[in-house]
Structure formats: C-alpha cells, structure tokens
C-alpha atoms as a PDB file:
ATOM      1  CA  MET A   1      39.511 -35.708  36.298  1.00  0.00           C
ATOM      2  CA  ARG A   2      39.618 -33.240  33.941  1.00  0.00           C
ATOM      3  CA  VAL A   3      42.955 -32.045  31.788  1.00  0.00           C
ATOM      4  CA  ARG A   4      42.846 -28.254  31.604  1.00  0.00           C
ATOM      5  CA  PRO A   5      44.829 -25.846  29.281  1.00  0.00           C
ATOM      6  CA  SER A   6      46.972 -23.597  31.693  1.00  0.00           C
ATOM      7  CA  ARG A   7      45.477 -20.754  33.640  1.00  0.00           C
ATOM      8  CA  CYS A   8      46.539 -17.347  34.044  1.00  0.00           C
ATOM      9  CA  ALA A   9      50.010 -17.431  34.284  1.00  0.00           C
ATOM     10  CA  ALA A  10      50.441 -15.823  38.177  1.00  0.00           C
ATOM     11  CA  LEU A  11      48.203 -18.696  39.523  1.00  0.00           C
ATOM     12  CA  THR A  12      49.927 -21.588  37.745  1.00  0.00           C
ATOM     13  CA  ALA A  13      53.493 -19.947  38.379  1.00  0.00           C
ATOM     14  CA  GLY A  14      52.358 -19.220  42.092  1.00  0.00           C
ATOM     15  CA  ALA A  15      50.822 -22.704  42.238  1.00  0.00           C
ATOM     16  CA  LEU A  16      53.962 -24.481  40.880  1.00  0.00           C
ATOM     17  CA  VAL A  17      56.617 -22.707  43.259  1.00  0.00           C
ATOM     18  CA  ALA A  18      53.829 -23.416  46.018  1.00  0.00           C
ATOM     19  CA  GLY A  19      53.672 -27.165  45.069  1.00  0.00           C
ATOM     20  CA  LEU A  20      57.602 -27.641  44.216  1.00  0.00           C
ATOM     21  CA  VAL A  21      58.667 -26.335  47.563  1.00  0.00           C
ATOM     22  CA  SER A  22      55.628 -28.543  48.951  1.00  0.00           C
ATOM     23  CA  SER A  23      56.863 -31.654  47.320  1.00  0.00           C
ATOM     24  CA  CYS A  24      60.315 -31.539  48.046  1.00  0.00           C
ATOM     25  CA  GLY A  25      59.253 -33.928  51.041  1.00  0.00           C
ATOM     26  CA  THR A  26      60.841 -36.568  51.574  1.00  0.00           C
ATOM     27  CA  SER A  27      58.910 -39.762  49.989  1.00  0.00           C
ATOM     28  CA  SER A  28      59.745 -42.249  47.216  1.00  0.00           C
ATOM     29  CA  THR A  29      61.987 -40.123  45.922  1.00  0.00           C
ATOM     30  CA  SER A  30      65.040 -39.257  48.449  1.00  0.00           C
ATOM     31  CA  ALA A  31      64.255 -35.384  48.664  1.00  0.00           C
ATOM     32  CA  SER A  32      64.473 -33.175  51.547  1.00  0.00           C
ATOM     33  CA  ARG A  33      62.559 -30.748  53.256  1.00  0.00           C
ATOM     34  CA  HIS A  34      63.934 -27.806  55.377  1.00  0.00           C
ATOM     35  CA  GLU A  35      61.555 -28.417  58.449  1.00  0.00           C
ATOM     36  CA  LEU A  36      60.736 -31.939  59.326  1.00  0.00           C
ATOM     37  CA  PHE A  37      58.088 -32.552  62.069  1.00  0.00           C
ATOM     38  CA  ALA A  38      58.396 -34.708  65.369  1.00  0.00           C
ATOM     39  CA  SER A  39      54.745 -34.215  66.524  1.00  0.00           C
ATOM     40  CA  LEU A  40      51.210 -33.487  65.625  1.00  0.00           C
ATOM     41  CA  ASN A  41      51.706 -30.162  67.343  1.00  0.00           C
ATOM     42  CA  GLU A  42      54.382 -29.102  65.529  1.00  0.00           C
ATOM     43  CA  ILE A  43      52.768 -29.951  62.120  1.00  0.00           C
ATOM     44  CA  SER A  44      49.107 -28.035  63.474  1.00  0.00           C
ATOM     45  CA  GLN A  45      51.411 -24.887  64.496  1.00  0.00           C
ATOM     46  CA  ALA A  46      52.977 -24.956  61.074  1.00  0.00           C
ATOM     47  CA  SER A  47      49.815 -25.075  59.426  1.00  0.00           C
ATOM     48  CA  ASP A  48      47.346 -22.296  58.420  1.00  0.00           C
ATOM     49  CA  LEU A  49      44.184 -24.959  58.516  1.00  0.00           C
ATOM     50  CA  VAL A  50      43.390 -28.243  59.747  1.00  0.00           C
ATOM     51  CA  ILE A  51      40.499 -29.930  58.303  1.00  0.00           C
ATOM     52  CA  VAL A  52      38.941 -33.391  57.894  1.00  0.00           C
ATOM     53  CA  GLY A  53      37.579 -33.404  54.320  1.00  0.00           C
ATOM     54  CA  ARG A  54      36.188 -35.199  51.516  1.00  0.00           C
ATOM     55  CA  THR A  55      37.876 -34.620  48.191  1.00  0.00           C
ATOM     56  CA  ASP A  56      35.775 -35.057  44.744  1.00  0.00           C
ATOM     57  CA  PRO A  57      36.619 -33.176  41.365  1.00  0.00           C
ATOM     58  CA  GLN A  58      40.117 -32.548  40.497  1.00  0.00           C
ATOM     59  CA  ASP A  59      41.446 -30.687  38.014  1.00  0.00           C
ATOM     60  CA  VAL A  60      44.768 -31.253  36.396  1.00  0.00           C
ATOM     61  CA  ASP A  61      46.443 -28.271  34.654  1.00  0.00           C
ATOM     62  CA  SER A  62      49.641 -28.859  32.515  1.00  0.00           C
ATOM     63  CA  PRO A  63      51.584 -25.436  32.840  1.00  0.00           C
ATOM     64  CA  ALA A  64      54.289 -26.214  30.380  1.00  0.00           C
ATOM     65  CA  ARG A  65      56.405 -28.698  28.556  1.00  0.00           C
ATOM     66  CA  ASP A  66      59.006 -30.228  30.877  1.00  0.00           C
ATOM     67  CA  TRP A  67      57.089 -28.895  33.665  1.00  0.00           C
ATOM     68  CA  PRO A  68      55.580 -31.158  36.352  1.00  0.00           C
ATOM     69  CA  ASP A  69      51.452 -31.362  36.298  1.00  0.00           C
ATOM     70  CA  LEU A  70      49.333 -29.662  39.100  1.00  0.00           C
ATOM     71  CA  THR A  71      45.995 -31.318  40.541  1.00  0.00           C
ATOM     72  CA  VAL A  72      44.219 -29.610  41.879  1.00  0.00           C
ATOM     73  CA  SER A  73      41.524 -31.326  44.272  1.00  0.00           C
ATOM     74  CA  THR A  74      38.368 -29.693  46.035  1.00  0.00           C
ATOM     75  CA  ALA A  75      37.816 -30.891  49.558  1.00  0.00           C
ATOM     76  CA  GLU A  76      34.233 -30.266  51.287  1.00  0.00           C
ATOM     77  CA  VAL A  77      35.315 -29.421  54.739  1.00  0.00           C
ATOM     78  CA  LEU A  78      33.645 -32.123  56.919  1.00  0.00           C
ATOM     79  CA  GLU A  79      35.359 -30.477  60.163  1.00  0.00           C
ATOM     80  CA  VAL A  80      37.469 -27.112  61.105  1.00  0.00           C
ATOM     81  CA  LEU A  81      40.357 -28.999  63.501  1.00  0.00           C
ATOM     82  CA  ALA A  82      42.090 -25.470  63.450  1.00  0.00           C
ATOM     83  CA  HIS A  83      42.726 -22.147  61.779  1.00  0.00           C
ATOM     84  CA  GLY A  84      45.643 -20.116  61.703  1.00  0.00           C
ATOM     85  CA  SER A  85      43.858 -16.806  61.787  1.00  0.00           C
ATOM     86  CA  THR A  86      40.647 -15.825  62.914  1.00  0.00           C
ATOM     87  CA  ASP A  87      40.943 -12.477  61.797  1.00  0.00           C
ATOM     88  CA  ASP A  88      40.735 -13.501  58.383  1.00  0.00           C
ATOM     89  CA  ALA A  89      37.857 -12.493  56.412  1.00  0.00           C
ATOM     90  CA  ASN A  90      37.529 -15.520  55.004  1.00  0.00           C
ATOM     91  CA  VAL A  91      37.294 -18.036  57.843  1.00  0.00           C
ATOM     92  CA  THR A  92      36.694 -21.677  56.697  1.00  0.00           C
ATOM     93  CA  THR A  93      33.932 -23.474  57.906  1.00  0.00           C
ATOM     94  CA  SER A  94      31.928 -27.320  57.818  1.00  0.00           C
ATOM     95  CA  GLY A  95      30.244 -27.357  54.834  1.00  0.00           C
ATOM     96  CA  SER A  96      32.828 -24.883  52.863  1.00  0.00           C
ATOM     97  CA  LEU A  97      35.253 -25.948  49.972  1.00  0.00           C
ATOM     98  CA  VAL A  98      39.079 -25.368  50.187  1.00  0.00           C
ATOM     99  CA  ARG A  99      41.149 -26.082  46.967  1.00  0.00           C
ATOM    100  CA  VAL A 100      44.474 -28.685  47.824  1.00  0.00           C
ATOM    101  CA  TRP A 101      47.214 -28.032  45.265  1.00  0.00           C
ATOM    102  CA  GLN A 102      49.571 -30.542  44.536  1.00  0.00           C
ATOM    103  CA  THR A 103      52.382 -31.352  42.572  1.00  0.00           C
ATOM    104  CA  GLY A 104      51.463 -34.596  39.949  1.00  0.00           C
ATOM    105  CA  ARG A 105      48.524 -36.808  39.029  1.00  0.00           C
ATOM    106  CA  ASN A 106      46.920 -39.530  40.171  1.00  0.00           C
ATOM    107  CA  ASP A 107      47.322 -41.511  36.773  1.00  0.00           C
ATOM    108  CA  ASN A 108      51.237 -41.063  36.336  1.00  0.00           C
ATOM    109  CA  ALA A 109      53.508 -43.618  37.773  1.00  0.00           C
ATOM    110  CA  ASP A 110      56.136 -41.583  37.370  1.00  0.00           C
ATOM    111  CA  ALA A 111      54.541 -39.419  40.034  1.00  0.00           C
ATOM    112  CA  PRO A 112      57.035 -38.393  42.860  1.00  0.00           C
ATOM    113  CA  MET A 113      54.535 -37.854  45.648  1.00  0.00           C
ATOM    114  CA  LEU A 114      51.136 -39.157  46.895  1.00  0.00           C
ATOM    115  CA  ILE A 115      48.100 -37.098  45.409  1.00  0.00           C
ATOM    116  CA  LEU A 116      45.091 -36.763  46.894  1.00  0.00           C
ATOM    117  CA  GLU A 117      41.755 -39.375  45.523  1.00  0.00           C
ATOM    118  CA  PRO A 118      38.733 -38.205  44.787  1.00  0.00           C
ATOM    119  CA  GLY A 119      36.118 -39.549  47.273  1.00  0.00           C
ATOM    120  CA  GLY A 120      38.476 -39.811  49.620  1.00  0.00           C
ATOM    121  CA  VAL A 121      38.425 -38.421  53.459  1.00  0.00           C
ATOM    122  CA  TYR A 122      41.191 -36.905  54.788  1.00  0.00           C
ATOM    123  CA  LEU A 123      42.666 -35.403  58.149  1.00  0.00           C
ATOM    124  CA  LEU A 124      44.800 -32.381  56.183  1.00  0.00           C
ATOM    125  CA  TYR A 125      47.521 -29.945  57.686  1.00  0.00           C
ATOM    126  CA  LEU A 126      47.163 -27.474  54.949  1.00  0.00           C
ATOM    127  CA  THR A 127      49.369 -23.537  54.274  1.00  0.00           C
ATOM    128  CA  HIS A 128      47.615 -21.105  52.570  1.00  0.00           C
ATOM    129  CA  MET A 129      49.392 -20.427  49.182  1.00  0.00           C
ATOM    130  CA  GLY A 130      49.281 -16.768  49.753  1.00  0.00           C
ATOM    131  CA  LEU A 131      50.199 -15.990  46.352  1.00  0.00           C
ATOM    132  CA  GLU A 132      49.150 -13.248  43.889  1.00  0.00           C
ATOM    133  CA  GLY A 133      46.210 -14.768  41.929  1.00  0.00           C
ATOM    134  CA  ALA A 134      45.693 -17.620  44.581  1.00  0.00           C
ATOM    135  CA  GLY A 135      41.888 -17.757  46.175  1.00  0.00           C
ATOM    136  CA  ASP A 136      41.081 -17.189  49.724  1.00  0.00           C
ATOM    137  CA  SER A 137      40.692 -21.394  49.115  1.00  0.00           C
ATOM    138  CA  ASP A 138      43.679 -22.090  47.879  1.00  0.00           C
ATOM    139  CA  TYR A 139      46.123 -24.314  49.860  1.00  0.00           C
ATOM    140  CA  TYR A 140      48.927 -26.682  49.579  1.00  0.00           C
ATOM    141  CA  ILE A 141      49.808 -30.066  51.934  1.00  0.00           C
ATOM    142  CA  THR A 142      52.279 -28.899  55.092  1.00  0.00           C
ATOM    143  CA  GLY A 143      55.056 -30.667  54.490  1.00  0.00           C
ATOM    144  CA  ALA A 144      54.607 -32.364  51.119  1.00  0.00           C
ATOM    145  CA  THR A 145      52.718 -35.730  51.991  1.00  0.00           C
ATOM    146  CA  ALA A 146      53.547 -35.241  55.903  1.00  0.00           C
ATOM    147  CA  GLY A 147      50.076 -33.243  56.625  1.00  0.00           C
ATOM    148  CA  VAL A 148      48.033 -36.381  54.869  1.00  0.00           C
ATOM    149  CA  TYR A 149      46.412 -38.949  56.790  1.00  0.00           C
ATOM    150  CA  VAL A 150      43.386 -40.879  55.593  1.00  0.00           C
ATOM    151  CA  LEU A 151      40.607 -42.321  57.137  1.00  0.00           C
ATOM    152  CA  SER A 152      40.863 -46.277  57.785  1.00  0.00           C
ATOM    153  CA  GLY A 153      38.541 -47.932  55.448  1.00  0.00           C
ATOM    154  CA  GLY A 154      34.906 -48.023  56.327  1.00  0.00           C
ATOM    155  CA  MET A 155      34.896 -45.938  59.480  1.00  0.00           C
ATOM    156  CA  GLU A 156      32.355 -43.908  60.582  1.00  0.00           C
ATOM    157  CA  LEU A 157      33.459 -39.878  61.086  1.00  0.00           C
ATOM    158  CA  SER A 158      33.120 -39.753  65.142  1.00  0.00           C
ATOM    159  CA  GLU A 159      35.530 -39.115  68.048  1.00  0.00           C
ATOM    160  CA  THR A 160      37.508 -43.066  67.862  1.00  0.00           C
ATOM    161  CA  ALA A 161      37.612 -42.849  63.513  1.00  0.00           C
ATOM    162  CA  VAL A 162      40.985 -43.446  62.818  1.00  0.00           C
ATOM    163  CA  PHE A 163      43.450 -41.641  60.477  1.00  0.00           C
ATOM    164  CA  VAL A 164      46.407 -43.180  59.112  1.00  0.00           C
ATOM    165  CA  ARG A 165      49.316 -41.436  57.531  1.00  0.00           C
ATOM    166  CA  ALA A 166      49.481 -41.398  53.709  1.00  0.00           C
ATOM    167  CA  ASP A 167      53.020 -41.827  53.576  1.00  0.00           C
ATOM    168  CA  PRO A 168      54.865 -43.498  56.258  1.00  0.00           C
ATOM    169  CA  THR A 169      58.140 -43.285  54.578  1.00  0.00           C
ATOM    170  CA  SER A 170      58.980 -39.762  55.149  1.00  0.00           C
ATOM    171  CA  ASP A 171      61.361 -38.750  57.947  1.00  0.00           C
ATOM    172  CA  ASP A 172      58.805 -36.993  59.894  1.00  0.00           C
ATOM    173  CA  THR A 173      58.412 -38.946  63.133  1.00  0.00           C
ATOM    174  CA  LEU A 174      54.557 -38.190  63.043  1.00  0.00           C
ATOM    175  CA  PRO A 175      52.328 -41.395  64.729  1.00  0.00           C
ATOM    176  CA  ARG A 176      51.509 -43.428  62.040  1.00  0.00           C
ATOM    177  CA  GLU A 177      47.800 -43.512  63.105  1.00  0.00           C
ATOM    178  CA  VAL A 178      45.620 -40.700  65.140  1.00  0.00           C
ATOM    179  CA  THR A 179      42.200 -40.663  66.465  1.00  0.00           C
ATOM    180  CA  LEU A 180      39.758 -37.751  65.711  1.00  0.00           C
ATOM    181  CA  GLY A 181      39.980 -37.165  68.762  1.00  0.00           C
ATOM    182  CA  GLU A 182      44.018 -36.997  69.201  1.00  0.00           C
ATOM    183  CA  ALA A 183      43.981 -34.566  66.302  1.00  0.00           C
ATOM    184  CA  ARG A 184      41.576 -32.116  67.934  1.00  0.00           C
ATOM    185  CA  ASP A 185      44.021 -31.979  71.181  1.00  0.00           C
END
C-alpha cells in the first residue's frame, strides 16, 4: 500500500463525495443509508457493474487534514455478472481492471468501514463514480459495505463457490452467503 499526496482536486473531491455518500452505510458506525437492500436483485439493479474480482494494488490518498483517507483498490475482473449499460463505450470485460474507491484505510483501527484487502477475491456490486475527473473504470461500492461478498476461504471459483457477506451487521436483508451461480441469476 502506498500513501500518495493529494491527486487532482476534482478527482479527490469527487471521490471523497462518492466515498462519504457510500460510507453512510450501516456498519459498526451506526450510521444510516437512504436505501437498504432486501435482495440480490435489488442491489444488482442499483449497481452499474457486478463483478467477481481479485484486488491487488492499493493507493491511499490523504486529501487534507481532518478529511478521511481514501483507499483505491485495483481489482482484476475475473468475471462480469452484470453491466448496467451495454451502450457504454468502455464496457468492462474479464481481464480488465477497475478501481474501487473507499473511505478509510486498512491500517487505521478507527476506520468506519470494511476496506478491501489486497489479494482478496470478492463479489462486488459497484456504482460508477460518474464525477468530473473520474475515469471510466472508477467505482465505489453500492450500499457502502452491502455490496461486498468475500470468497469463502480456499474455494476455487466455480458455480458452487460460496461468497460470504463482508458486513453482516448492516441493516440490509441480503443473504449471508451466496454461490456464484445464485449471484448470476
């Protein structure tokens, strides 16, 4: 993980806004979100992209004093399960990379949210940043932590691979576990 000085103002401000909006999720911070999800179909419909991805490099940006850190994880797309717009000029495919922005950092015990771990394999429900300065491959997690499922330890990626909800404490009523086959449906 590298700590970088502040990036271009528009991207940082945009990412911070998106991160703070998405981090208003219910986790251990007792915050609330505007929309809670009751099914995989609901969170999928609210997402611009649903993938299985392996995270690797991370950058941490500290935009300004008294602002939360921003973690940007790069995820290699192992499989695309849903794409919000097939008219998009930059349709994500297996093998491509997406950048997932989150508020907080892994080495901060006071971080309000789950931060993706390098080397982890995740089922991710993502919302496109859509902000000036953000790239076509920049996303944040739909529903803060609601859109994160972790591949169960040591499993191979197959139809029966089990993904476990990363934050079972949120007020969403999503399933605790889901197979890759179920996530495709």
